Amino acid sequence: MRIRCVSKFSVLALSILACRSGPEFPNPCAEPITVQVRVGAESRPSFSWSPECGISALVVNTVPAPGAQETTVWSFGVPEQSPLGPDVTYGNAPGRATVWTGPQQLMPGTTYRVRVRMTVGEDVMVASGETTFTAWYPPD
């Protein structure tokens, strides 16, 4: 009888630990998103957003001159059931991501637009945000 109790307790404890040790994902974004970009002298741009919620896709495009077409230089999506939280470095998609484009090398002095979004059913957008940034010029 005592062995059964220990056995049941062990299974319960392992089950609880297994649930806690799994990846934790942020709550999906459900309101407008404000996107921030950090561009450093020695690093690739990194993207964050507020509120600190989960997105399902990130896209970086060129901002074209009038009459020109934009070009996607990096884009990826993650499963909606495991949304991605803030702090993404350009070119570093998470392992669970499907990379659709790139990453291509960013050109100094070129302006880019980063867009993030959270979708439901892969086609209904429930939240999104975007901002622009200019790739950094290295010193002469």
Protein backbone atom coordinates (compact mmCIF):
# COMPACT_ATOMS: atom_id res chain seq x y z
CA MET A 1 0.00 0.00 0.00
CA ARG A 2 2.79 2.41 0.90
CA ILE A 3 4.58 1.72 -2.39
CA ARG A 4 1.47 2.67 -4.36
CA CYS A 5 1.23 6.03 -2.56
CA VAL A 6 4.86 6.84 -3.25
CA SER A 7 4.43 5.71 -6.82
CA LYS A 8 1.34 7.85 -7.39
CA PHE A 9 3.02 10.83 -5.73
CA SER A 10 6.11 10.41 -7.93
CA VAL A 11 4.04 10.30 -11.11
CA LEU A 12 2.11 13.40 -10.02
CA ALA A 13 5.31 15.30 -9.14
CA LEU A 14 6.96 14.39 -12.45
CA SER A 15 3.83 15.47 -14.33
CA ILE A 16 3.84 18.85 -12.61
CA LEU A 17 7.55 19.36 -13.29
CA ALA A 18 7.12 18.37 -16.93
CA CYS A 19 4.38 20.96 -17.35
CA ARG A 20 6.50 23.67 -15.75
CA SER A 21 9.68 22.88 -17.67
CA GLY A 22 8.07 23.22 -21.11
CA PRO A 23 8.44 26.38 -23.18
CA GLU A 24 6.38 29.32 -22.03
CA PHE A 25 4.83 31.51 -24.66
CA PRO A 26 3.46 35.01 -24.16
CA ASN A 27 -0.23 35.71 -24.49
CA PRO A 28 -1.10 36.54 -28.11
CA CYS A 29 -1.27 40.24 -28.96
CA ALA A 30 -4.86 41.46 -29.12
CA GLU A 31 -4.47 45.24 -29.40
CA PRO A 32 -2.39 47.69 -31.47
CA ILE A 33 1.34 47.00 -31.24
CA THR A 34 4.05 49.65 -30.90
CA VAL A 35 7.29 48.44 -32.51
CA GLN A 36 10.75 49.64 -31.45
CA VAL A 37 14.06 49.06 -33.25
CA ARG A 38 17.53 49.19 -31.70
CA VAL A 39 20.29 49.78 -34.25
CA GLY A 40 23.81 49.50 -32.87
CA ALA A 41 27.24 50.17 -34.26
CA GLU A 42 28.50 46.64 -33.70
CA SER A 43 25.34 44.56 -34.01
CA ARG A 44 22.39 43.78 -36.20
CA PRO A 45 19.12 45.59 -35.51
CA SER A 46 16.86 44.10 -32.86
CA PHE A 47 13.11 44.47 -32.67
CA SER A 48 10.87 44.68 -29.64
CA TRP A 49 7.29 45.75 -29.11
CA SER A 50 4.74 46.71 -26.56
CA PRO A 51 2.63 45.54 -25.05
CA GLU A 52 4.83 42.52 -24.33
CA CYS A 53 2.63 40.04 -26.13
CA GLY A 54 3.07 37.31 -28.72
CA ILE A 55 3.12 37.67 -32.50
CA SER A 56 2.82 35.09 -35.25
CA ALA A 57 4.77 36.86 -38.03
CA LEU A 58 7.56 39.40 -38.57
CA VAL A 59 8.42 40.96 -41.95
CA VAL A 60 11.22 43.39 -42.88
CA ASN A 61 10.89 45.25 -46.22
CA THR A 62 12.77 48.02 -47.94
CA VAL A 63 11.05 51.41 -48.02
CA PRO A 64 11.22 52.16 -51.74
CA ALA A 65 11.70 55.46 -53.48
CA PRO A 66 8.55 56.82 -55.16
CA GLY A 67 7.62 54.62 -58.10
CA ALA A 68 9.76 51.68 -56.95
CA GLN A 69 8.55 48.45 -55.37
CA GLU A 70 9.36 47.34 -51.86
CA THR A 71 11.45 44.22 -51.41
CA THR A 72 11.13 41.77 -48.56
CA VAL A 73 14.56 41.13 -47.03
CA TRP A 74 13.53 38.90 -44.11
CA SER A 75 10.26 37.33 -43.04
CA PHE A 76 9.08 34.44 -40.93
CA GLY A 77 6.08 33.06 -39.09
CA VAL A 78 5.60 30.93 -35.98
CA PRO A 79 2.64 28.72 -35.06
CA GLU A 80 -0.22 30.75 -33.59
CA GLN A 81 -0.34 28.31 -30.66
CA SER A 82 3.22 29.28 -29.70
CA PRO A 83 3.50 33.04 -30.36
CA LEU A 84 6.82 34.85 -30.24
CA GLY A 85 7.54 37.52 -27.64
CA PRO A 86 9.63 40.69 -28.03
CA ASP A 87 13.38 40.98 -28.59
CA VAL A 88 14.15 39.49 -31.99
CA THR A 89 17.55 40.12 -33.59
CA TYR A 90 17.58 40.56 -37.36
CA GLY A 91 18.33 37.22 -38.99
CA ASN A 92 17.73 35.09 -35.87
CA ALA A 93 14.36 33.39 -36.30
CA PRO A 94 13.35 30.99 -33.52
CA GLY A 95 13.72 27.26 -34.20
CA ARG A 96 9.95 26.78 -34.49
CA ALA A 97 9.70 29.45 -37.20
CA THR A 98 9.07 28.97 -40.89
CA VAL A 99 11.39 31.41 -42.66
CA TRP A 100 9.77 32.74 -45.82
CA THR A 101 12.50 35.15 -46.99
CA GLY A 102 16.16 35.87 -46.27
CA PRO A 103 17.69 37.22 -44.26
CA GLN A 104 19.46 39.38 -46.80
CA GLN A 105 22.27 41.73 -45.86
CA LEU A 106 21.03 45.17 -44.81
CA MET A 107 22.53 48.04 -46.78
CA PRO A 108 23.88 51.05 -44.82
CA GLY A 109 21.78 54.15 -45.37
CA THR A 110 18.78 52.18 -46.63
CA THR A 111 15.45 52.62 -44.86
CA TYR A 112 13.50 49.52 -43.92
CA ARG A 113 10.04 48.86 -42.48
CA VAL A 114 9.50 46.14 -39.88
CA ARG A 115 5.97 44.83 -39.42
CA VAL A 116 4.71 42.43 -36.76
CA ARG A 117 1.30 40.81 -36.57
CA MET A 118 -0.74 38.26 -34.69
CA THR A 119 -3.23 36.25 -36.70
CA VAL A 120 -5.92 33.71 -35.95
CA GLY A 121 -6.51 30.93 -38.45
CA GLU A 122 -3.49 32.24 -40.37
CA ASP A 123 -5.61 34.85 -42.14
CA VAL A 124 -7.50 36.97 -39.60
CA MET A 125 -5.26 39.72 -38.22
CA VAL A 126 -6.07 40.52 -34.60
CA ALA A 127 -3.14 42.87 -33.87
CA SER A 128 -0.32 44.51 -35.79
CA GLY A 129 2.27 47.24 -35.69
CA GLU A 130 5.10 48.64 -37.75
CA THR A 131 7.91 51.17 -37.77
CA THR A 132 10.81 52.18 -40.00
CA PHE A 133 14.54 52.27 -39.37
CA THR A 134 17.66 53.11 -41.33
CA ALA A 135 20.57 50.69 -41.48
CA TRP A 136 23.58 52.12 -39.72
CA TYR A 137 26.57 53.63 -41.51
CA PRO A 138 29.88 52.22 -40.24
CA PRO A 139 32.58 54.82 -39.45
CA ASP A 140 35.04 55.79 -42.20
